[in-house]
Amino acid sequence: MPQLDTSTWFITILSMIVTLFIMFQLKISKHYMYLNAEPLTTKLQKHTTPWETKWTKIYLPLSLPLQ
């Protein structure tokens, strides 16, 4: 039975790790990091809908009187 040739495994794994490291560095470098991370104040908008002023009730089949 032939032996498995593992002579190239080290360079293959090493080059894969280096490539992944470079790819992650390039991906992370595209993001801009803020020096002072403060939350932005946003204005809340009130949306008026027609059902807010009306009284509504959902009748479930189990809450109806028995017939």
C-alpha atoms as a PDB file:
ATOM      1  CA  MET A   1       0.000   0.000   0.000  1.00  0.00           C
ATOM      2  CA  PRO A   2       1.551   3.358  -0.977  1.00  0.00           C
ATOM      3  CA  GLN A   3       2.388   5.934   1.619  1.00  0.00           C
ATOM      4  CA  LEU A   4       0.580   9.280   1.658  1.00  0.00           C
ATOM      5  CA  ASP A   5       2.924  12.044   0.536  1.00  0.00           C
ATOM      6  CA  THR A   6       2.697  14.770   3.191  1.00  0.00           C
ATOM      7  CA  SER A   7       5.745  16.763   2.130  1.00  0.00           C
ATOM      8  CA  THR A   8       3.663  19.620   0.666  1.00  0.00           C
ATOM      9  CA  TRP A   9       1.177  19.888   3.525  1.00  0.00           C
ATOM     10  CA  PHE A  10       3.223  22.373   5.534  1.00  0.00           C
ATOM     11  CA  ILE A  11       3.591  24.904   2.727  1.00  0.00           C
ATOM     12  CA  THR A  12      -0.049  24.451   1.704  1.00  0.00           C
ATOM     13  CA  ILE A  13      -1.394  25.084   5.206  1.00  0.00           C
ATOM     14  CA  LEU A  14       1.021  27.947   5.796  1.00  0.00           C
ATOM     15  CA  SER A  15       0.093  29.675   2.540  1.00  0.00           C
ATOM     16  CA  MET A  16      -3.612  29.212   3.308  1.00  0.00           C
ATOM     17  CA  ILE A  17      -3.237  30.854   6.734  1.00  0.00           C
ATOM     18  CA  VAL A  18      -1.231  33.759   5.275  1.00  0.00           C
ATOM     19  CA  THR A  19      -3.810  34.249   2.522  1.00  0.00           C
ATOM     20  CA  LEU A  20      -6.690  34.251   4.994  1.00  0.00           C
ATOM     21  CA  PHE A  21      -4.858  36.734   7.207  1.00  0.00           C
ATOM     22  CA  ILE A  22      -4.249  39.094   4.277  1.00  0.00           C
ATOM     23  CA  MET A  23      -7.864  38.811   3.109  1.00  0.00           C
ATOM     24  CA  PHE A  24      -9.213  39.632   6.581  1.00  0.00           C
ATOM     25  CA  GLN A  25      -6.819  42.552   6.913  1.00  0.00           C
ATOM     26  CA  LEU A  26      -7.986  43.972   3.595  1.00  0.00           C
ATOM     27  CA  LYS A  27     -11.615  43.494   4.535  1.00  0.00           C
ATOM     28  CA  ILE A  28     -11.216  45.126   7.942  1.00  0.00           C
ATOM     29  CA  SER A  29      -9.170  48.029   6.548  1.00  0.00           C
ATOM     30  CA  LYS A  30     -12.129  49.189   4.430  1.00  0.00           C
ATOM     31  CA  HIS A  31     -14.157  50.046   7.554  1.00  0.00           C
ATOM     32  CA  TYR A  32     -13.847  53.464   9.147  1.00  0.00           C
ATOM     33  CA  MET A  33     -13.599  53.420  12.937  1.00  0.00           C
ATOM     34  CA  TYR A  34     -14.983  56.440  14.787  1.00  0.00           C
ATOM     35  CA  LEU A  35     -12.766  57.894  17.491  1.00  0.00           C
ATOM     36  CA  ASN A  36     -15.669  58.948  19.723  1.00  0.00           C
ATOM     37  CA  ALA A  37     -18.600  56.587  19.394  1.00  0.00           C
ATOM     38  CA  GLU A  38     -21.619  58.631  20.448  1.00  0.00           C
ATOM     39  CA  PRO A  39     -25.215  57.737  19.642  1.00  0.00           C
ATOM     40  CA  LEU A  40     -26.917  59.988  17.151  1.00  0.00           C
ATOM     41  CA  THR A  41     -30.107  61.695  18.224  1.00  0.00           C
ATOM     42  CA  THR A  42     -32.905  60.948  15.807  1.00  0.00           C
ATOM     43  CA  LYS A  43     -36.287  62.595  15.609  1.00  0.00           C
ATOM     44  CA  LEU A  44     -39.190  60.278  16.252  1.00  0.00           C
ATOM     45  CA  GLN A  45     -41.985  60.733  13.764  1.00  0.00           C
ATOM     46  CA  LYS A  46     -45.551  60.158  14.864  1.00  0.00           C
ATOM     47  CA  HIS A  47     -47.478  58.266  12.221  1.00  0.00           C
ATOM     48  CA  THR A  48     -51.192  58.702  12.403  1.00  0.00           C
ATOM     49  CA  THR A  49     -53.239  55.728  11.356  1.00  0.00           C
ATOM     50  CA  PRO A  50     -57.022  55.541  11.151  1.00  0.00           C
ATOM     51  CA  TRP A  51     -57.304  52.697  13.633  1.00  0.00           C
ATOM     52  CA  GLU A  52     -55.531  54.559  16.446  1.00  0.00           C
ATOM     53  CA  THR A  53     -58.578  56.632  17.244  1.00  0.00           C
ATOM     54  CA  LYS A  54     -61.088  53.794  16.986  1.00  0.00           C
ATOM     55  CA  TRP A  55     -61.833  51.098  19.536  1.00  0.00           C
ATOM     56  CA  THR A  56     -61.232  47.712  18.014  1.00  0.00           C
ATOM     57  CA  LYS A  57     -61.543  44.222  19.384  1.00  0.00           C
ATOM     58  CA  ILE A  58     -60.633  40.919  17.810  1.00  0.00           C
ATOM     59  CA  TYR A  59     -63.161  38.192  18.474  1.00  0.00           C
ATOM     60  CA  LEU A  60     -61.573  34.800  18.704  1.00  0.00           C
ATOM     61  CA  PRO A  61     -63.655  31.727  17.935  1.00  0.00           C
ATOM     62  CA  LEU A  62     -63.147  30.408  21.461  1.00  0.00           C
ATOM     63  CA  SER A  63     -64.384  33.627  23.077  1.00  0.00           C
ATOM     64  CA  LEU A  64     -67.750  33.544  21.289  1.00  0.00           C
ATOM     65  CA  PRO A  65     -70.731  32.273  23.260  1.00  0.00           C
ATOM     66  CA  LEU A  66     -71.665  28.625  22.838  1.00  0.00           C
ATOM     67  CA  GLN A  67     -74.567  27.888  20.563  1.00  0.00           C
END
